[in-house]
Amino acid sequence: MAAADVIDELSCSICLILYTDPVMLPCGHNFCQGCIEKVLDTQEGSGAYSCPECRQEYEERPALPRNRTLGNIAERFRPTETQLGETGIFCTYCVLSPVPAAKSCLLCEASLCDTHLRGHSQSHKHILTAPTRSFGERKCPQHDELLTYYCHGESVCVCVYCAGFGQHKGHNVEPLKEAFEKMMIQLRQVLEKLPIKREETEGQIQRLQERRREVAEKAAGETERVTALFRDIREQLEALEKRLLSDISSQKEKLSLPLTNLIRELEIKKEKLGEKMRHIEELCNMADPFSLLKKLESEGADVWENDCRDIGGKESDDGKLHDENDLHEVLIMNPIYRGLGDIVTRAKRRLGNESIIMDRNTAHKDLTISTDAKSASYSGSSVKQGYSSYPGSYINQGYYNQSQTFQVYSANQAYTVKNFQFQTQVLSTMCFHIGQHYWDVDYSKSEQLRVGVAYPSIERGGYSNIGNDNKSWELGIVQSSYNTSSFSVLHGGIETSLSFPQGRSPINQIRVYLDYEAGRLSFYELSEPIRHLHTFTATFTEPLHALFWVGKGSVTVID
């Protein structure tokens, strides 16, 4: 038997290639398991199942027992197939010796070599394709016709009967060639857009990689900084421990010396008293009255009385055991507290925690600055005087209405100025032009405030420009009567509200963090854990002052 005939016998009539896991229908025909299951799936719901080869019908979906013998034979013959031709598909009509096929005719379900292709029909019904064994996939399993149309509604290829009379009747159906041309146009259009998307994606990847490098560098820098900080703290703690232990030892020696001397004196006194006790005991044992009295007369009775008075009436030496220079706990702990406080202060400075002092010279007249310049309280009223945003127009008086706008009167005319704020603000005495800094703000006693930073060149007269220009960056906070806080950020006249999950108790403390070189200004809520609110990024061109605007209540800088 010729090799081509053997290949035909060992090939599935659906995919036209060597069997893969062959199974057998009750009629005896064999197919690849995957191929016949696809055919049976398409016949689902049609009323009956049929064999693609002999058209024998089955009322129920037939079982598919495996044909192990046929599968083993096909597996043993498979290496021979790969050696025959480049595609492994041969001319159907070259029966004596296999010749590689040049084309396959879908109508004839045959593959042709170059020789047989010359004599093949040129009719448009004979559709020629690249060599293939998948003739079964190109025919309608229901009508056994070529799939020459495409249904756009269900995105499937259909035959002429399905398109005109079957289940696809009335659908958007067109010939495969036209559908192919339209699809190619769409694919080319998509292909034209994909490079742009790819470049955008590459740009995003590069930006993310750069950001990841920045995060890694930042983390490495912070790790080094924290390591150095704690190394310094440990050194300072060890030095403090040595100093305090040395002080305690010195104080102990200083206090022990007089106590030792006193003990020595008392020991001598104790010995003398013992001698007198023994002498008096001897006198008490004398039986002759004359001898006793004569003895006392010679020794002097006043001496014994003085000794008794000295013993009984002299102030006790126990009072000397508690001296005012004794080792009291307060005297010991006070240097510890002071030393630890100095260590914490130095650590805060290294971390950038600045002691912010409010500059009274920059404070609005309606603000009261505390004695330590750490707090600012609003002391104004709802009726104000100032300058409006209208050139040459002076505001005689105005008031805030319920819509949080400002109603002003000028030249007998009324104006409503939105986002109107008087300059009830104050700057810090310190300015920052390098490094990293942070400070904490308590706003528990304020209902309206703004915190942030500003250039010293910010306008300070009339209504407030905080956040409405390019010279200041701020976080606005409004506390409602329900003990909740709402946040917004403002810069360059653009205000953005910040939204966060509800149900958290207000902390009423904000941390402002400035990294001048990196151009980053961040705001955090000092909760547990700390919550990031917002970060501005900018290129700072002037020194920055801490800025506080108080609309109602007071605000305090926390040390």
Protein backbone atom coordinates (compact mmCIF):
# COMPACT_ATOMS: atom_id res chain seq x y z
CA MET A 1 0.00 0.00 0.00
CA ALA A 2 1.34 3.48 -0.93
CA ALA A 3 2.31 5.81 1.86
CA ALA A 4 -0.42 8.29 0.81
CA ASP A 5 -3.05 5.55 1.12
CA VAL A 6 -1.81 4.62 4.58
CA ILE A 7 -1.99 8.27 5.62
CA ASP A 8 -5.56 8.48 4.30
CA GLU A 9 -6.57 5.43 6.30
CA LEU A 10 -5.01 6.79 9.45
CA SER A 11 -6.40 10.32 8.99
CA CYS A 12 -9.55 11.78 10.49
CA SER A 13 -12.10 12.62 7.81
CA ILE A 14 -12.93 15.87 9.60
CA CYS A 15 -9.49 17.45 10.21
CA LEU A 16 -7.73 15.29 7.53
CA ILE A 17 -4.68 14.72 9.73
CA LEU A 18 -3.47 11.64 11.58
CA TYR A 19 -5.80 10.57 14.35
CA THR A 20 -5.39 12.16 17.75
CA ASP A 21 -7.18 10.16 20.49
CA PRO A 22 -9.46 8.39 17.94
CA VAL A 23 -12.98 7.44 19.08
CA MET A 24 -15.61 5.30 17.33
CA LEU A 25 -19.27 6.01 16.60
CA PRO A 26 -21.78 3.15 16.71
CA CYS A 27 -21.72 3.07 12.89
CA GLY A 28 -18.02 2.10 13.02
CA HIS A 29 -16.48 5.30 11.68
CA ASN A 30 -13.54 6.78 13.57
CA PHE A 31 -12.76 10.42 14.25
CA CYS A 32 -10.49 12.47 16.46
CA GLN A 33 -12.26 12.93 19.76
CA GLY A 34 -12.00 16.71 19.61
CA CYS A 35 -13.27 16.83 16.02
CA ILE A 36 -16.36 14.67 16.49
CA GLU A 37 -17.28 16.43 19.76
CA LYS A 38 -17.30 19.79 17.96
CA VAL A 39 -19.59 18.32 15.25
CA LEU A 40 -21.95 16.85 17.84
CA ASP A 41 -22.00 20.19 19.70
CA THR A 42 -23.20 21.95 16.53
CA GLN A 43 -25.95 19.31 16.14
CA GLU A 44 -27.17 19.92 19.69
CA GLY A 45 -30.88 20.86 19.66
CA SER A 46 -31.41 19.96 15.98
CA GLY A 47 -33.47 16.87 16.85
CA ALA A 48 -30.94 14.18 15.96
CA TYR A 49 -27.23 13.48 15.81
CA SER A 50 -25.59 12.11 12.69
CA CYS A 51 -22.27 10.67 11.56
CA PRO A 52 -20.36 13.15 9.36
CA GLU A 53 -19.22 10.25 7.17
CA CYS A 54 -22.29 8.06 6.52
CA ARG A 55 -25.02 10.38 7.86
CA GLN A 56 -26.45 7.67 10.12
CA GLU A 57 -28.67 9.37 12.71
CA TYR A 58 -28.93 8.81 16.47
CA GLU A 59 -31.75 10.04 18.67
CA GLU A 60 -29.43 10.54 21.61
CA ARG A 61 -25.89 11.77 21.66
CA PRO A 62 -23.79 8.68 21.01
CA ALA A 63 -21.11 7.44 23.34
CA LEU A 64 -17.55 7.82 22.12
CA PRO A 65 -15.42 4.81 23.10
CA ARG A 66 -11.71 5.18 22.41
CA ASN A 67 -10.13 3.11 19.62
CA ARG A 68 -6.81 2.36 21.26
CA THR A 69 -5.55 0.10 18.49
CA LEU A 70 -6.08 2.71 15.79
CA GLY A 71 -4.53 5.35 18.01
CA ASN A 72 -1.41 3.25 18.58
CA ILE A 73 -0.98 2.62 14.87
CA ALA A 74 -1.38 6.29 14.05
CA GLU A 75 1.13 7.20 16.76
CA ARG A 76 3.71 4.77 15.34
CA PHE A 77 3.19 6.10 11.83
CA ARG A 78 3.34 9.76 12.87
CA PRO A 79 7.15 10.22 12.41
CA THR A 80 6.83 9.15 8.76
CA GLU A 81 4.37 11.98 8.17
CA THR A 82 6.79 14.71 9.25
CA GLN A 83 9.37 13.46 6.79
CA LEU A 84 7.08 13.77 3.79
CA GLY A 85 7.07 17.29 2.31
CA GLU A 86 7.26 20.62 4.07
CA THR A 87 3.59 20.85 5.05
CA GLY A 88 2.88 17.15 5.37
CA ILE A 89 -0.11 17.60 2.99
CA PHE A 90 0.13 15.76 -0.33
CA CYS A 91 -1.69 15.75 -3.61
CA THR A 92 -4.83 13.66 -3.47
CA TYR A 93 -4.42 12.50 -7.07
CA CYS A 94 -0.77 11.45 -6.94
CA VAL A 95 -1.52 7.92 -5.77
CA LEU A 96 1.65 6.20 -6.90
CA SER A 97 4.07 8.46 -5.04
CA PRO A 98 3.28 11.30 -2.60
CA VAL A 99 3.82 14.78 -4.02
CA PRO A 100 3.49 17.87 -1.77
CA ALA A 101 0.27 19.76 -2.39
CA ALA A 102 0.40 23.37 -3.64
CA LYS A 103 -3.29 24.20 -3.06
CA SER A 104 -6.45 22.67 -1.64
CA CYS A 105 -9.91 22.96 -3.26
CA LEU A 106 -12.64 23.42 -0.72
CA LEU A 107 -15.36 22.36 -3.13
CA CYS A 108 -13.63 19.16 -4.21
CA GLU A 109 -12.21 18.56 -0.75
CA ALA A 110 -8.94 17.63 -2.39
CA SER A 111 -5.37 18.83 -2.32
CA LEU A 112 -3.53 19.37 -5.59
CA CYS A 113 0.09 19.48 -6.64
CA ASP A 114 1.32 21.98 -9.22
CA THR A 115 0.67 19.51 -12.06
CA HIS A 116 -2.93 18.70 -11.14
CA LEU A 117 -3.57 22.35 -10.28
CA ARG A 118 -3.04 23.34 -13.91
CA GLY A 119 -5.92 21.16 -15.05
CA HIS A 120 -8.23 22.04 -12.18
CA SER A 121 -11.44 23.94 -12.81
CA GLN A 122 -11.13 27.74 -12.65
CA SER A 123 -14.81 28.23 -11.69
CA HIS A 124 -15.46 30.58 -8.78
CA LYS A 125 -17.22 27.70 -7.03
CA HIS A 126 -13.90 25.93 -6.72
CA ILE A 127 -12.31 27.88 -3.88
CA LEU A 128 -8.56 27.36 -3.68
CA THR A 129 -6.70 27.87 -0.40
CA ALA A 130 -3.35 26.98 1.09
CA PRO A 131 -2.91 23.25 1.59
CA THR A 132 -5.19 22.07 4.36
CA ARG A 133 -6.74 18.97 5.83
CA SER A 134 -9.50 20.92 7.60
CA PHE A 135 -12.14 20.48 4.92
CA GLY A 136 -14.73 19.46 7.50
CA GLU A 137 -14.31 22.72 9.41
CA ARG A 138 -15.03 24.70 6.22
CA LYS A 139 -18.40 23.03 5.61
CA CYS A 140 -21.70 23.48 7.34
CA PRO A 141 -22.29 20.39 9.50
CA GLN A 142 -26.04 20.72 8.96
CA HIS A 143 -26.21 21.31 5.17
CA ASP A 144 -22.78 19.97 4.09
CA GLU A 145 -22.19 23.18 2.14
CA LEU A 146 -19.17 25.44 2.08
CA LEU A 147 -19.16 28.25 4.61
CA THR A 148 -19.18 31.15 2.15
CA TYR A 149 -20.91 33.81 4.27
CA TYR A 150 -20.21 35.55 7.55
CA CYS A 151 -22.86 36.47 10.13
CA HIS A 152 -21.83 39.65 11.96
CA GLY A 153 -24.55 39.28 14.59
CA GLU A 154 -23.21 35.96 15.92
CA SER A 155 -19.66 36.25 14.53
CA VAL A 156 -19.73 32.87 12.75
CA CYS A 157 -19.21 31.61 9.21
CA VAL A 158 -22.37 30.13 7.64
CA CYS A 159 -23.37 28.45 4.40
CA VAL A 160 -25.75 29.83 1.83
CA TYR A 161 -28.71 27.90 3.23
CA CYS A 162 -28.13 29.08 6.81
CA ALA A 163 -27.82 32.65 5.57
CA GLY A 164 -30.92 32.62 3.39
CA PHE A 165 -33.27 30.11 4.93
CA GLY A 166 -31.88 28.85 8.22
CA GLN A 167 -31.36 30.26 11.69
CA HIS A 168 -29.31 33.22 10.36
CA LYS A 169 -32.05 34.46 8.07
CA GLY A 170 -32.55 38.21 8.54
CA HIS A 171 -29.15 38.66 10.21
CA ASN A 172 -26.42 40.97 8.98
CA VAL A 173 -24.81 38.45 6.62
CA GLU A 174 -22.37 39.11 3.79
CA PRO A 175 -19.96 37.08 1.64
CA LEU A 176 -16.75 35.98 3.30
CA LYS A 177 -14.60 38.02 0.91
CA GLU A 178 -16.40 41.26 1.73
CA ALA A 179 -16.40 40.47 5.44
CA PHE A 180 -12.71 39.63 5.14
CA GLU A 181 -11.92 42.96 3.45
CA LYS A 182 -13.87 44.92 6.07
CA MET A 183 -12.22 42.99 8.87
CA MET A 184 -8.81 43.65 7.38
CA ILE A 185 -9.57 47.37 7.28
CA GLN A 186 -10.60 47.29 10.93
CA LEU A 187 -7.53 45.28 11.86
CA ARG A 188 -5.26 47.73 10.06
CA GLN A 189 -6.95 50.62 11.84
CA VAL A 190 -6.44 48.87 15.15
CA LEU A 191 -2.86 48.09 14.15
CA GLU A 192 -2.25 51.78 13.45
CA LYS A 193 -3.44 52.69 16.94
CA LEU A 194 -1.58 49.93 18.75
CA PRO A 195 1.92 51.45 18.31
CA ILE A 196 0.65 54.66 19.89
CA LYS A 197 -0.86 52.68 22.75
CA ARG A 198 2.34 50.70 23.01
CA GLU A 199 4.41 53.90 23.23
CA GLU A 200 2.04 55.27 25.87
CA THR A 201 2.33 52.02 27.80
CA GLU A 202 6.11 52.10 27.50
CA GLY A 203 6.06 55.67 28.76
CA GLN A 204 3.91 54.63 31.70
CA ILE A 205 6.27 51.74 32.41
CA GLN A 206 9.26 54.08 32.30
CA ARG A 207 7.54 56.56 34.59
CA LEU A 208 6.60 53.80 37.01
CA GLN A 209 10.12 52.39 36.89
CA GLU A 210 11.49 55.86 37.56
CA ARG A 211 9.02 56.26 40.39
CA ARG A 212 10.05 52.87 41.75
CA ARG A 213 13.70 53.93 41.62
CA GLU A 214 12.80 57.14 43.40
CA VAL A 215 10.94 55.15 46.06
CA ALA A 216 13.90 52.81 46.44
CA GLU A 217 16.34 55.72 46.69
CA LYS A 218 14.02 57.51 49.12
CA ALA A 219 13.68 54.37 51.22
CA ALA A 220 17.46 53.86 51.19
CA GLY A 221 18.01 57.48 52.21
CA GLU A 222 15.40 57.27 54.97
CA THR A 223 16.87 53.97 56.16
CA GLU A 224 20.31 55.52 56.37
CA ARG A 225 18.93 58.61 58.09
CA VAL A 226 16.91 56.61 60.65
CA THR A 227 19.85 54.26 61.26
CA ALA A 228 22.16 57.22 61.89
CA LEU A 229 19.52 58.86 64.07
CA PHE A 230 19.09 55.81 66.30
CA ARG A 231 22.84 55.25 66.41
CA ASP A 232 23.21 58.82 67.63
CA ILE A 233 20.34 58.33 70.10
CA ARG A 234 21.99 55.19 71.48
CA GLU A 235 25.30 57.04 71.83
CA GLN A 236 23.57 59.90 73.59
CA LEU A 237 21.70 57.49 75.88
CA GLU A 238 24.91 55.67 76.74
CA ALA A 239 26.66 58.97 77.45
CA LEU A 240 23.69 60.10 79.56
CA GLU A 241 23.72 56.79 81.45
CA LYS A 242 27.46 57.04 82.14
CA ARG A 243 27.15 60.65 83.27
CA LEU A 244 24.21 59.95 85.56
CA LEU A 245 25.82 56.83 87.04
CA SER A 246 29.00 58.82 87.61
CA ASP A 247 26.99 61.60 89.28
CA ILE A 248 25.19 59.09 91.48
CA SER A 249 28.50 57.47 92.43
CA SER A 250 30.05 60.85 93.24
CA GLN A 251 27.01 61.83 95.28
CA LYS A 252 27.15 58.52 97.11
CA GLU A 253 30.82 59.07 98.02
CA LYS A 254 30.08 62.62 99.07
CA LEU A 255 27.24 61.51 101.36
CA SER A 256 28.95 58.35 102.61
CA LEU A 257 32.03 60.13 104.05
CA PRO A 258 30.22 62.14 106.79
CA LEU A 259 28.09 59.11 107.57
CA THR A 260 31.22 57.03 108.01
CA ASN A 261 32.73 59.64 110.34
CA LEU A 262 29.52 59.82 112.33
CA ILE A 263 29.42 56.04 112.64
CA ARG A 264 33.03 56.08 113.91
CA GLU A 265 32.17 58.72 116.53
CA LEU A 266 29.14 56.78 117.68
CA GLU A 267 31.17 53.58 117.90
CA ILE A 268 33.65 55.36 120.23
CA LYS A 269 30.77 56.75 122.26
CA LYS A 270 29.21 53.30 122.43
CA GLU A 271 32.46 51.84 123.75
CA LYS A 272 32.75 54.53 126.43
CA LEU A 273 29.17 53.97 127.51
CA GLY A 274 29.89 50.28 127.82
CA GLU A 275 32.83 50.98 130.11
CA LYS A 276 30.68 53.22 132.31
CA MET A 277 27.97 50.56 132.44
CA ARG A 278 30.45 47.98 133.70
CA HIS A 279 31.88 50.42 136.30
CA ILE A 280 28.43 51.31 137.60
CA GLU A 281 27.53 47.61 137.78
CA GLU A 282 30.60 47.14 140.00
CA LEU A 283 29.46 50.00 142.22
CA CYS A 284 25.99 48.48 142.43
CA ASN A 285 27.55 45.26 143.70
CA MET A 286 29.27 47.02 146.66
CA ALA A 287 27.65 46.03 150.01
CA ASP A 288 29.32 48.55 152.32
CA PRO A 289 27.39 51.86 152.26
CA PHE A 290 30.33 53.86 153.50
CA SER A 291 32.61 52.50 150.82
CA LEU A 292 30.10 53.25 148.06
CA LEU A 293 29.44 56.77 149.14
CA LYS A 294 33.13 57.44 149.68
CA LYS A 295 33.80 56.12 146.22
CA LEU A 296 31.15 58.34 144.65
CA GLU A 297 32.45 61.29 146.62
CA SER A 298 35.94 60.74 145.27
CA GLU A 299 34.74 60.28 141.70
CA GLY A 300 32.22 63.05 141.83
CA ALA A 301 28.50 62.27 141.64
CA ASP A 302 27.86 65.11 139.19
CA VAL A 303 29.86 63.24 136.60
CA TRP A 304 27.37 60.37 136.60
CA GLU A 305 24.43 62.72 136.57
CA ASN A 306 25.93 64.63 133.64
CA ASP A 307 26.43 61.35 131.82
CA CYS A 308 22.77 60.46 132.43
CA ARG A 309 21.60 63.85 131.33
CA ASP A 310 23.77 63.59 128.19
CA ILE A 311 22.31 60.20 127.39
CA GLY A 312 18.71 61.05 128.03
CA GLY A 313 18.41 64.74 127.16
CA LYS A 314 20.89 65.35 124.33
CA GLU A 315 19.36 65.54 120.85
CA SER A 316 19.59 62.24 119.06
CA ASP A 317 22.13 61.83 116.26
CA ASP A 318 19.43 60.18 114.09
CA GLY A 319 18.58 63.60 112.69
CA LYS A 320 21.90 63.63 110.92
CA LEU A 321 20.83 60.59 108.89
CA HIS A 322 18.53 62.79 106.74
CA ASP A 323 20.50 65.61 105.23
CA GLU A 324 19.14 68.11 102.75
CA ASN A 325 21.80 66.95 100.25
CA ASP A 326 20.62 63.35 100.44
CA LEU A 327 19.96 61.24 97.28
CA HIS A 328 16.33 62.19 96.66
CA GLU A 329 14.48 60.62 93.68
CA VAL A 330 13.64 64.02 92.27
CA LEU A 331 17.31 65.01 92.28
CA ILE A 332 18.15 61.80 90.42
CA MET A 333 15.22 61.75 87.97
CA ASN A 334 15.35 65.41 87.07
CA PRO A 335 18.66 65.07 85.14
CA ILE A 336 17.22 62.00 83.40
CA TYR A 337 14.12 63.89 82.28
CA ARG A 338 16.24 66.84 81.20
CA GLY A 339 18.71 64.63 79.33
CA LEU A 340 15.98 62.64 77.58
CA GLY A 341 14.26 65.89 76.64
CA ASP A 342 17.47 67.15 75.07
CA ILE A 343 17.83 63.90 73.12
CA VAL A 344 14.25 64.13 71.85
CA THR A 345 14.76 67.77 70.89
CA ARG A 346 17.92 66.96 68.93
CA ALA A 347 16.15 64.00 67.27
CA LYS A 348 13.23 66.20 66.21
CA ARG A 349 15.63 68.71 64.73
CA ARG A 350 17.39 66.00 62.75
CA LEU A 351 14.01 64.74 61.50
CA GLY A 352 13.04 68.25 60.43
CA ASN A 353 10.56 69.01 63.20
CA GLU A 354 10.72 72.77 63.44
CA SER A 355 9.64 74.92 66.35
CA ILE A 356 7.29 77.25 64.51
CA ILE A 357 6.85 80.75 65.93
CA MET A 358 4.15 83.02 64.54
CA ASP A 359 5.31 86.43 63.36
CA ARG A 360 3.18 89.12 64.99
CA ASN A 361 4.29 91.60 62.35
CA THR A 362 2.45 89.58 59.69
CA ALA A 363 -0.70 88.92 61.74
CA HIS A 364 -4.01 90.49 60.74
CA LYS A 365 -5.53 92.94 63.21
CA ASP A 366 -8.39 90.51 63.89
CA LEU A 367 -5.97 87.82 65.04
CA THR A 368 -4.68 87.57 68.60
CA ILE A 369 -1.28 85.91 68.93
CA SER A 370 -0.51 84.11 72.20
CA THR A 371 2.40 85.06 74.47
CA ASP A 372 4.52 82.13 73.26
CA ALA A 373 3.53 82.92 69.64
CA LYS A 374 2.27 79.36 69.21
CA SER A 375 -1.45 80.12 68.87
CA ALA A 376 -3.56 82.48 66.80
CA SER A 377 -7.16 83.29 67.76
CA TYR A 378 -9.76 85.00 65.61
CA SER A 379 -11.28 87.97 67.40
CA GLY A 380 -13.20 89.69 64.59
CA SER A 381 -16.91 89.85 63.77
CA SER A 382 -19.09 89.14 60.75
CA VAL A 383 -19.11 92.84 59.73
CA LYS A 384 -15.81 93.85 58.21
CA GLN A 385 -13.94 96.46 56.29
CA GLY A 386 -11.46 95.84 53.57
CA TYR A 387 -10.69 96.03 49.86
CA SER A 388 -12.77 94.24 47.27
CA SER A 389 -11.53 92.52 44.12
CA TYR A 390 -12.99 95.37 42.07
CA PRO A 391 -10.29 97.97 41.27
CA GLY A 392 -10.87 101.29 42.98
CA SER A 393 -13.84 100.03 44.95
CA TYR A 394 -13.64 100.33 48.73
CA ILE A 395 -15.88 98.13 50.84
CA ASN A 396 -17.54 100.10 53.58
CA GLN A 397 -18.98 97.04 55.25
CA GLY A 398 -20.19 93.56 54.46
CA TYR A 399 -21.21 90.28 55.99
CA TYR A 400 -21.10 86.54 55.27
CA ASN A 401 -24.42 85.14 54.12
CA GLN A 402 -25.68 81.56 54.41
CA SER A 403 -24.15 80.49 51.10
CA GLN A 404 -20.66 81.25 52.43
CA THR A 405 -20.26 84.17 50.04
CA PHE A 406 -19.56 87.72 51.14
CA GLN A 407 -22.18 90.43 50.58
CA VAL A 408 -20.50 93.82 50.24
CA TYR A 409 -21.76 97.38 49.79
CA SER A 410 -19.87 100.03 47.90
CA ALA A 411 -21.06 103.30 46.29
CA ASN A 412 -24.64 102.43 47.29
CA GLN A 413 -24.42 99.20 45.32
CA ALA A 414 -24.40 95.60 46.56
CA TYR A 415 -21.97 93.00 45.30
CA THR A 416 -21.68 89.32 46.11
CA VAL A 417 -18.08 88.18 46.16
CA LYS A 418 -17.63 84.40 46.03
CA ASN A 419 -14.79 82.77 47.96
CA PHE A 420 -14.26 86.12 49.71
CA GLN A 421 -11.84 85.89 52.62
CA PHE A 422 -10.30 88.64 54.67
CA GLN A 423 -6.61 88.45 55.32
CA THR A 424 -6.98 86.96 58.81
CA GLN A 425 -3.70 85.14 58.46
CA VAL A 426 -0.24 85.05 59.99
CA LEU A 427 3.12 83.79 58.74
CA SER A 428 5.90 82.10 60.66
CA THR A 429 9.07 83.93 61.62
CA MET A 430 11.17 81.12 60.18
CA CYS A 431 11.46 80.56 56.43
CA PHE A 432 12.59 77.43 54.64
CA HIS A 433 14.76 77.42 51.54
CA ILE A 434 16.45 74.03 51.85
CA GLY A 435 15.98 70.63 53.47
CA GLN A 436 13.06 68.71 54.90
CA HIS A 437 10.80 70.14 57.60
CA TYR A 438 7.51 69.35 59.32
CA TRP A 439 5.28 70.88 61.96
CA ASP A 440 2.06 69.78 63.65
CA VAL A 441 -1.09 71.87 64.03
CA ASP A 442 -3.98 71.43 66.47
CA TYR A 443 -7.31 72.81 65.20
CA SER A 444 -9.63 71.30 67.83
CA LYS A 445 -10.74 74.83 68.82
CA SER A 446 -11.28 76.11 65.29
CA GLU A 447 -14.21 75.70 62.92
CA GLN A 448 -12.58 77.26 59.84
CA LEU A 449 -8.89 77.37 59.12
CA ARG A 450 -6.29 76.98 56.41
CA VAL A 451 -2.73 75.77 56.88
CA GLY A 452 0.09 75.59 54.39
CA VAL A 453 3.05 77.57 53.09
CA ALA A 454 3.49 80.83 51.21
CA TYR A 455 6.18 82.98 49.66
CA PRO A 456 7.01 86.13 51.63
CA SER A 457 5.87 88.13 48.58
CA ILE A 458 2.23 87.05 49.01
CA GLU A 459 -0.23 89.97 49.12
CA ARG A 460 -1.27 90.91 52.64
CA GLY A 461 -3.89 93.62 52.18
CA GLY A 462 -7.62 93.41 51.59
CA TYR A 463 -9.12 90.04 50.84
CA SER A 464 -7.10 86.86 51.14
CA ASN A 465 -5.24 85.35 48.22
CA ILE A 466 -4.33 82.17 50.09
CA GLY A 467 -4.34 79.40 47.51
CA ASN A 468 -5.91 81.68 44.90
CA ASP A 469 -2.53 82.63 43.45
CA ASN A 470 0.69 80.83 42.61
CA LYS A 471 2.43 82.02 45.75
CA SER A 472 0.71 79.85 48.34
CA TRP A 473 -0.40 76.26 48.88
CA GLU A 474 -2.93 75.38 51.52
CA LEU A 475 -5.19 72.78 53.09
CA GLY A 476 -8.61 74.05 54.10
CA ILE A 477 -10.47 72.51 57.04
CA VAL A 478 -14.10 73.07 58.04
CA GLN A 479 -15.55 71.43 61.14
CA SER A 480 -19.30 70.90 61.26
CA SER A 481 -21.60 70.78 64.25
CA TYR A 482 -21.58 66.97 63.94
CA ASN A 483 -17.92 66.86 65.00
CA THR A 484 -16.71 65.91 61.53
CA SER A 485 -14.06 67.58 59.41
CA SER A 486 -14.08 68.22 55.67
CA PHE A 487 -10.86 68.91 53.78
CA SER A 488 -10.01 70.69 50.56
CA VAL A 489 -6.78 71.83 48.93
CA LEU A 490 -6.27 75.07 47.02
CA HIS A 491 -3.51 76.45 44.80
CA GLY A 492 -3.57 78.70 41.76
CA GLY A 493 -7.28 79.33 42.27
CA ILE A 494 -8.11 75.62 41.80
CA GLU A 495 -9.83 74.06 44.80
CA THR A 496 -10.24 70.31 45.13
CA SER A 497 -12.37 68.63 47.79
CA LEU A 498 -10.90 65.57 49.46
CA SER A 499 -13.19 62.64 50.21
CA PHE A 500 -12.48 59.91 52.75
CA PRO A 501 -14.48 57.00 54.24
CA GLN A 502 -16.91 58.04 56.94
CA GLY A 503 -17.09 56.66 60.44
CA ARG A 504 -13.72 57.86 61.74
CA SER A 505 -13.51 60.10 64.75
CA PRO A 506 -11.83 63.43 64.01
CA ILE A 507 -8.25 63.68 65.23
CA ASN A 508 -8.08 67.48 64.98
CA GLN A 509 -4.34 67.41 64.36
CA ILE A 510 -2.59 67.97 61.04
CA ARG A 511 1.04 67.48 60.08
CA VAL A 512 2.53 69.67 57.35
CA TYR A 513 5.61 68.12 55.69
CA LEU A 514 7.85 70.12 53.33
CA ASP A 515 10.63 68.72 51.17
CA TYR A 516 11.97 71.88 49.54
CA GLU A 517 14.46 70.35 47.07
CA ALA A 518 12.01 67.65 45.97
CA GLY A 519 9.27 70.26 45.57
CA ARG A 520 6.78 68.31 47.67
CA LEU A 521 4.32 69.68 50.24
CA SER A 522 2.26 67.01 52.01
CA PHE A 523 -0.53 67.08 54.57
CA TYR A 524 -1.26 64.22 56.97
CA GLU A 525 -3.91 63.56 59.60
CA LEU A 526 -2.24 62.42 62.82
CA SER A 527 -4.47 59.40 63.30
CA GLU A 528 -3.58 55.80 64.11
CA PRO A 529 -2.31 54.89 61.61
CA ILE A 530 -1.36 58.28 60.15
CA ARG A 531 -3.47 59.14 57.07
CA HIS A 532 -2.12 60.92 53.99
CA LEU A 533 -4.46 63.70 52.84
CA HIS A 534 -2.78 65.34 49.86
CA THR A 535 0.59 66.17 48.28
CA PHE A 536 1.41 69.21 46.15
CA THR A 537 4.33 69.03 43.73
CA ALA A 538 5.97 72.24 42.58
CA THR A 539 9.29 73.89 41.84
CA PHE A 540 9.77 76.37 44.66
CA THR A 541 11.51 79.60 43.62
CA GLU A 542 11.41 81.56 46.89
CA PRO A 543 11.81 80.76 50.58
CA LEU A 544 8.63 79.46 52.18
CA HIS A 545 6.95 80.52 55.42
CA ALA A 546 4.45 78.44 57.35
CA LEU A 547 1.04 80.05 56.90
CA PHE A 548 -2.09 79.99 59.09
CA TRP A 549 -5.49 81.46 58.22
CA VAL A 550 -8.13 81.42 60.97
CA GLY A 551 -11.75 82.07 60.10
CA LYS A 552 -13.22 81.16 63.46
CA GLY A 553 -11.78 79.92 66.73
CA SER A 554 -8.05 79.37 67.23
CA VAL A 555 -5.21 77.27 65.89
CA THR A 556 -2.11 76.07 67.80
CA VAL A 557 1.28 74.79 66.72
CA ILE A 558 2.23 71.66 68.67
CA ASP A 559 5.81 71.33 69.93
